[in-house]
Amino acid sequence: MIRLWAARGLTSLALFLAVVGPLVGQESGSGSLGAQNLRPFGFVFAAYALAWLMVLGWIVSVGRRLARLDRAVRD
């Protein structure tokens, strides 16, 4: 069970990095000061998105375990 969750987590992380990675690394070709100052915010967005995905995954995991425990108690 733990291996399955680890595999899912690694797959989700790889997919997330594949989607967000190219967006984070983009630089503006204009070289304007505003574009240079906004560049690090992509990393902040990626970090928050990853944190939210982990929290939501944890909530789903706890919900499934509680449902399984509820079924076991009813039987």
N, C-alpha and C. Protein backbone atom coordinates (compact mmCIF):
# COMPACT_ATOMS: atom_id res chain seq x y z
N MET A 1 0.83 -1.19 0.00
CA MET A 1 0.00 0.00 0.00
C MET A 1 0.87 1.26 0.00
N ILE A 2 1.92 1.25 0.83
CA ILE A 2 2.80 2.41 0.89
C ILE A 2 3.54 2.59 -0.43
N ARG A 3 3.94 1.49 -1.05
CA ARG A 3 4.62 1.58 -2.33
C ARG A 3 3.71 2.18 -3.39
N LEU A 4 2.43 1.82 -3.33
CA LEU A 4 1.47 2.37 -4.29
C LEU A 4 1.34 3.88 -4.11
N TRP A 5 1.25 4.32 -2.85
CA TRP A 5 1.15 5.76 -2.58
C TRP A 5 2.43 6.47 -2.99
N ALA A 6 3.56 5.86 -2.74
CA ALA A 6 4.83 6.46 -3.13
C ALA A 6 4.91 6.58 -4.65
N ALA A 7 4.48 5.55 -5.35
CA ALA A 7 4.50 5.59 -6.81
C ALA A 7 3.55 6.66 -7.33
N ARG A 8 2.38 6.76 -6.73
CA ARG A 8 1.43 7.80 -7.14
C ARG A 8 1.99 9.18 -6.86
N GLY A 9 2.62 9.34 -5.71
CA GLY A 9 3.20 10.63 -5.36
C GLY A 9 4.31 11.04 -6.31
N LEU A 10 5.18 10.10 -6.64
CA LEU A 10 6.26 10.41 -7.57
C LEU A 10 5.73 10.69 -8.97
N THR A 11 4.71 9.96 -9.37
CA THR A 11 4.10 10.21 -10.68
C THR A 11 3.44 11.58 -10.70
N SER A 12 2.74 11.92 -9.64
CA SER A 12 2.09 13.24 -9.57
C SER A 12 3.13 14.35 -9.57
N LEU A 13 4.21 14.16 -8.83
CA LEU A 13 5.27 15.16 -8.79
C LEU A 13 5.91 15.33 -10.15
N ALA A 14 6.17 14.23 -10.84
CA ALA A 14 6.78 14.31 -12.17
C ALA A 14 5.84 15.01 -13.15
N LEU A 15 4.57 14.70 -13.08
CA LEU A 15 3.60 15.35 -13.95
C LEU A 15 3.50 16.84 -13.65
N PHE A 16 3.48 17.18 -12.38
CA PHE A 16 3.42 18.58 -11.97
C PHE A 16 4.65 19.34 -12.47
N LEU A 17 5.83 18.77 -12.29
CA LEU A 17 7.05 19.43 -12.74
C LEU A 17 7.10 19.54 -14.26
N ALA A 18 6.55 18.55 -14.95
CA ALA A 18 6.54 18.60 -16.41
C ALA A 18 5.63 19.71 -16.92
N VAL A 19 4.54 19.97 -16.19
CA VAL A 19 3.61 21.00 -16.62
C VAL A 19 4.07 22.39 -16.17
N VAL A 20 4.47 22.52 -14.91
CA VAL A 20 4.80 23.83 -14.36
C VAL A 20 6.25 24.23 -14.67
N GLY A 21 7.14 23.28 -14.81
CA GLY A 21 8.55 23.58 -15.03
C GLY A 21 8.81 24.50 -16.20
N PRO A 22 8.28 24.21 -17.38
CA PRO A 22 8.51 25.12 -18.50
C PRO A 22 7.91 26.51 -18.29
N LEU A 23 6.81 26.59 -17.56
CA LEU A 23 6.19 27.89 -17.30
C LEU A 23 7.04 28.73 -16.36
N VAL A 24 7.68 28.07 -15.40
CA VAL A 24 8.50 28.78 -14.42
C VAL A 24 9.77 29.31 -15.07
N GLY A 25 10.35 28.56 -15.98
CA GLY A 25 11.62 28.94 -16.57
C GLY A 25 11.52 29.95 -17.69
N GLN A 26 10.32 30.36 -18.06
CA GLN A 26 10.18 31.30 -19.17
C GLN A 26 10.66 32.68 -18.75
N GLU A 27 11.39 33.30 -19.65
CA GLU A 27 11.85 34.66 -19.42
C GLU A 27 11.31 35.56 -20.52
N SER A 28 11.10 36.78 -20.16
CA SER A 28 10.60 37.73 -21.14
C SER A 28 11.73 38.15 -22.07
N GLY A 29 11.45 38.21 -23.35
CA GLY A 29 12.46 38.60 -24.31
C GLY A 29 12.70 40.10 -24.35
N SER A 30 11.82 40.87 -23.73
CA SER A 30 11.94 42.32 -23.80
C SER A 30 13.05 42.85 -22.90
N GLY A 31 13.38 42.11 -21.84
CA GLY A 31 14.43 42.57 -20.93
C GLY A 31 13.99 43.73 -20.06
N SER A 32 12.71 43.97 -19.96
CA SER A 32 12.23 45.08 -19.14
C SER A 32 12.39 44.76 -17.66
N LEU A 33 12.46 45.79 -16.87
CA LEU A 33 12.67 45.63 -15.44
C LEU A 33 11.50 44.90 -14.79
N GLY A 34 10.27 45.18 -15.24
CA GLY A 34 9.10 44.52 -14.66
C GLY A 34 9.10 43.03 -14.89
N ALA A 35 9.51 42.60 -16.06
CA ALA A 35 9.55 41.17 -16.36
C ALA A 35 10.63 40.48 -15.54
N GLN A 36 11.72 41.15 -15.28
CA GLN A 36 12.79 40.57 -14.48
C GLN A 36 12.38 40.43 -13.03
N ASN A 37 11.60 41.35 -12.52
CA ASN A 37 11.18 41.29 -11.12
C ASN A 37 10.11 40.25 -10.88
N LEU A 38 9.32 39.89 -11.89
CA LEU A 38 8.24 38.93 -11.70
C LEU A 38 8.70 37.48 -11.89
N ARG A 39 9.90 37.28 -12.36
CA ARG A 39 10.38 35.93 -12.66
C ARG A 39 10.35 34.99 -11.45
N PRO A 40 10.79 35.38 -10.26
CA PRO A 40 10.80 34.44 -9.12
C PRO A 40 9.41 34.02 -8.65
N PHE A 41 8.37 34.76 -9.02
CA PHE A 41 7.04 34.41 -8.54
C PHE A 41 6.56 33.08 -9.12
N GLY A 42 7.11 32.64 -10.21
CA GLY A 42 6.75 31.34 -10.75
C GLY A 42 7.14 30.22 -9.80
N PHE A 43 8.28 30.37 -9.15
CA PHE A 43 8.72 29.37 -8.18
C PHE A 43 7.82 29.37 -6.95
N VAL A 44 7.38 30.54 -6.53
CA VAL A 44 6.47 30.63 -5.39
C VAL A 44 5.15 29.96 -5.74
N PHE A 45 4.64 30.23 -6.95
CA PHE A 45 3.40 29.59 -7.39
C PHE A 45 3.56 28.07 -7.41
N ALA A 46 4.69 27.60 -7.93
CA ALA A 46 4.93 26.15 -8.00
C ALA A 46 4.98 25.55 -6.61
N ALA A 47 5.63 26.23 -5.67
CA ALA A 47 5.73 25.72 -4.31
C ALA A 47 4.35 25.66 -3.64
N TYR A 48 3.55 26.71 -3.79
CA TYR A 48 2.22 26.70 -3.21
C TYR A 48 1.33 25.64 -3.86
N ALA A 49 1.42 25.49 -5.16
CA ALA A 49 0.61 24.48 -5.84
C ALA A 49 0.99 23.08 -5.36
N LEU A 50 2.28 22.84 -5.22
CA LEU A 50 2.73 21.54 -4.74
C LEU A 50 2.25 21.30 -3.31
N ALA A 51 2.34 22.33 -2.48
CA ALA A 51 1.88 22.19 -1.09
C ALA A 51 0.38 21.90 -1.04
N TRP A 52 -0.41 22.59 -1.86
CA TRP A 52 -1.85 22.34 -1.88
C TRP A 52 -2.17 20.94 -2.39
N LEU A 53 -1.43 20.48 -3.39
CA LEU A 53 -1.65 19.12 -3.88
C LEU A 53 -1.34 18.09 -2.81
N MET A 54 -0.29 18.33 -2.05
CA MET A 54 0.06 17.40 -0.97
C MET A 54 -1.01 17.40 0.12
N VAL A 55 -1.51 18.58 0.48
CA VAL A 55 -2.55 18.67 1.51
C VAL A 55 -3.83 17.99 1.03
N LEU A 56 -4.22 18.24 -0.21
CA LEU A 56 -5.43 17.60 -0.74
C LEU A 56 -5.26 16.08 -0.82
N GLY A 57 -4.09 15.62 -1.20
CA GLY A 57 -3.82 14.18 -1.21
C GLY A 57 -3.92 13.58 0.17
N TRP A 58 -3.41 14.31 1.16
CA TRP A 58 -3.49 13.83 2.54
C TRP A 58 -4.94 13.76 3.00
N ILE A 59 -5.74 14.76 2.64
CA ILE A 59 -7.16 14.77 3.03
C ILE A 59 -7.90 13.58 2.40
N VAL A 60 -7.63 13.32 1.13
CA VAL A 60 -8.25 12.17 0.45
C VAL A 60 -7.82 10.88 1.12
N SER A 61 -6.54 10.78 1.47
CA SER A 61 -6.03 9.58 2.12
C SER A 61 -6.72 9.35 3.47
N VAL A 62 -6.85 10.39 4.26
CA VAL A 62 -7.51 10.27 5.57
C VAL A 62 -8.98 9.90 5.38
N GLY A 63 -9.63 10.50 4.39
CA GLY A 63 -11.04 10.17 4.13
C GLY A 63 -11.24 8.72 3.75
N ARG A 64 -10.34 8.21 2.92
CA ARG A 64 -10.45 6.80 2.54
C ARG A 64 -10.23 5.87 3.73
N ARG A 65 -9.23 6.22 4.56
CA ARG A 65 -8.98 5.39 5.74
C ARG A 65 -10.15 5.41 6.70
N LEU A 66 -10.77 6.59 6.88
CA LEU A 66 -11.94 6.68 7.76
C LEU A 66 -13.11 5.88 7.21
N ALA A 67 -13.30 5.91 5.90
CA ALA A 67 -14.37 5.13 5.29
C ALA A 67 -14.13 3.64 5.48
N ARG A 68 -12.87 3.22 5.31
CA ARG A 68 -12.54 1.81 5.51
C ARG A 68 -12.75 1.40 6.97
N LEU A 69 -12.37 2.28 7.90
CA LEU A 69 -12.57 2.00 9.31
C LEU A 69 -14.06 1.94 9.65
N ASP A 70 -14.85 2.82 9.07
CA ASP A 70 -16.29 2.83 9.28
C ASP A 70 -16.92 1.52 8.79
N ARG A 71 -16.49 1.06 7.61
CA ARG A 71 -17.00 -0.22 7.10
C ARG A 71 -16.60 -1.37 8.01
N ALA A 72 -15.38 -1.34 8.53
CA ALA A 72 -14.93 -2.42 9.42
C ALA A 72 -15.70 -2.41 10.73
N VAL A 73 -16.05 -1.25 11.23
CA VAL A 73 -16.80 -1.16 12.50
C VAL A 73 -18.23 -1.64 12.28
N ARG A 74 -18.81 -1.34 11.13
CA ARG A 74 -20.19 -1.77 10.86
C ARG A 74 -20.29 -3.28 10.73
N ASP A 75 -19.26 -3.94 10.24
CA ASP A 75 -19.30 -5.39 10.05
C ASP A 75 -19.12 -6.15 11.32
